[in-house]
Amino acid sequence: MLCLIWRVDSSVFIKVMEQKLVQALVAHYNGEIQRAEANLINYFKNPTGIGEHPDIVGEMIKLVDRVSAARGGLDTVNSLVQAPQAEEEVAD
């Protein structure tokens, strides 16, 4: 059996993994925003069609809070990503 060993510069691998992790976080928060906004639109357009949620305003407040939390998460990820880049520029 032939076994191939793929060697990658560890700094390149770490950089790629960091990028993938950041992309996954951004995708997660964007997905949360899209989901909450879609549900909010549904409540606005058809509030009587949601029989299992009699407190429509309360449910909408929860969705707005989810959007706010997800946007906060995106802001945090962006600030964490930008901080090391700023440090690298200063070091250069």
Protein backbone atom coordinates (compact mmCIF):
# COMPACT_ATOMS: atom_id res chain seq x y z
CA MET A 1 0.00 0.00 0.00
CA LEU A 2 1.34 3.37 -1.01
CA CYS A 3 1.00 6.09 1.58
CA LEU A 4 1.52 9.69 0.55
CA ILE A 5 2.61 12.22 3.09
CA TRP A 6 1.63 15.79 2.40
CA ARG A 7 3.79 18.32 4.12
CA VAL A 8 2.56 21.83 4.58
CA ASP A 9 4.32 24.74 6.11
CA SER A 10 2.70 24.91 9.54
CA SER A 11 2.33 28.70 9.41
CA VAL A 12 0.41 28.43 6.12
CA PHE A 13 -1.79 25.68 7.56
CA ILE A 14 -2.53 27.70 10.69
CA LYS A 15 -3.36 30.77 8.60
CA VAL A 16 -5.77 28.76 6.42
CA MET A 17 -7.42 27.20 9.49
CA GLU A 18 -7.79 30.61 11.12
CA GLN A 19 -9.47 31.92 7.97
CA LYS A 20 -11.82 28.92 7.85
CA LEU A 21 -12.77 29.36 11.51
CA VAL A 22 -13.46 33.06 11.03
CA GLN A 23 -15.53 32.28 7.91
CA ALA A 24 -17.52 29.71 9.89
CA LEU A 25 -18.23 32.23 12.66
CA VAL A 26 -19.31 34.88 10.16
CA ALA A 27 -21.54 32.37 8.34
CA HIS A 28 -23.12 31.35 11.64
CA TYR A 29 -23.97 34.90 12.69
CA ASN A 30 -25.19 35.84 9.21
CA GLY A 31 -27.40 32.74 9.23
CA GLU A 32 -28.83 33.72 12.62
CA ILE A 33 -29.64 37.18 11.29
CA GLN A 34 -31.27 35.81 8.13
CA ARG A 35 -33.35 33.31 10.11
CA ALA A 36 -34.60 35.88 12.61
CA GLU A 37 -35.34 38.44 9.88
CA ALA A 38 -37.28 35.86 7.85
CA ASN A 39 -39.38 35.00 10.89
CA LEU A 40 -39.96 38.68 11.64
CA ILE A 41 -41.18 39.24 8.09
CA ASN A 42 -43.53 36.30 8.55
CA TYR A 43 -44.93 37.82 11.75
CA PHE A 44 -45.37 41.22 10.09
CA LYS A 45 -47.12 39.82 7.03
CA ASN A 46 -49.22 37.12 8.69
CA PRO A 47 -49.49 37.55 12.47
CA THR A 48 -52.77 35.64 12.70
CA GLY A 49 -51.26 32.60 11.00
CA ILE A 50 -49.01 31.81 13.95
CA GLY A 51 -51.42 29.92 16.20
CA GLU A 52 -48.85 28.44 18.55
CA HIS A 53 -47.54 31.88 19.58
CA PRO A 54 -50.36 33.97 21.04
CA ASP A 55 -47.91 36.63 22.28
CA ILE A 56 -46.78 37.86 18.88
CA VAL A 57 -45.09 40.99 20.20
CA GLY A 58 -43.15 38.94 22.75
CA GLU A 59 -41.98 36.56 20.03
CA MET A 60 -40.99 39.48 17.81
CA ILE A 61 -39.00 41.01 20.66
CA LYS A 62 -37.08 37.72 21.01
CA LEU A 63 -36.33 37.76 17.28
CA VAL A 64 -35.13 41.37 17.38
CA ASP A 65 -32.91 40.43 20.33
CA ARG A 66 -31.48 37.54 18.27
CA VAL A 67 -30.68 39.88 15.39
CA SER A 68 -29.04 42.28 17.82
CA ALA A 69 -27.00 39.50 19.46
CA ALA A 70 -25.88 38.13 16.08
CA ARG A 71 -24.83 41.58 14.89
CA GLY A 72 -22.91 41.99 18.13
CA GLY A 73 -21.24 38.65 17.47
CA LEU A 74 -20.23 39.79 13.99
CA ASP A 75 -18.82 43.02 15.41
CA THR A 76 -16.84 41.06 17.98
CA VAL A 77 -15.43 38.67 15.39
CA ASN A 78 -14.46 41.62 13.18
CA SER A 79 -12.71 43.40 16.05
CA LEU A 80 -10.85 40.23 17.04
CA VAL A 81 -9.70 39.67 13.46
CA GLN A 82 -8.68 43.28 12.93
CA ALA A 83 -6.73 43.56 16.20
CA PRO A 84 -3.94 41.11 15.20
CA GLN A 85 -3.74 42.67 11.73
CA ALA A 86 -3.21 46.10 13.29
CA GLU A 87 -0.51 44.64 15.57
CA GLU A 88 1.25 43.08 12.55
CA GLU A 89 1.24 46.43 10.72
CA VAL A 90 2.77 48.17 13.73
CA ALA A 91 5.44 45.47 13.99
CA ASP A 92 6.41 45.91 10.33
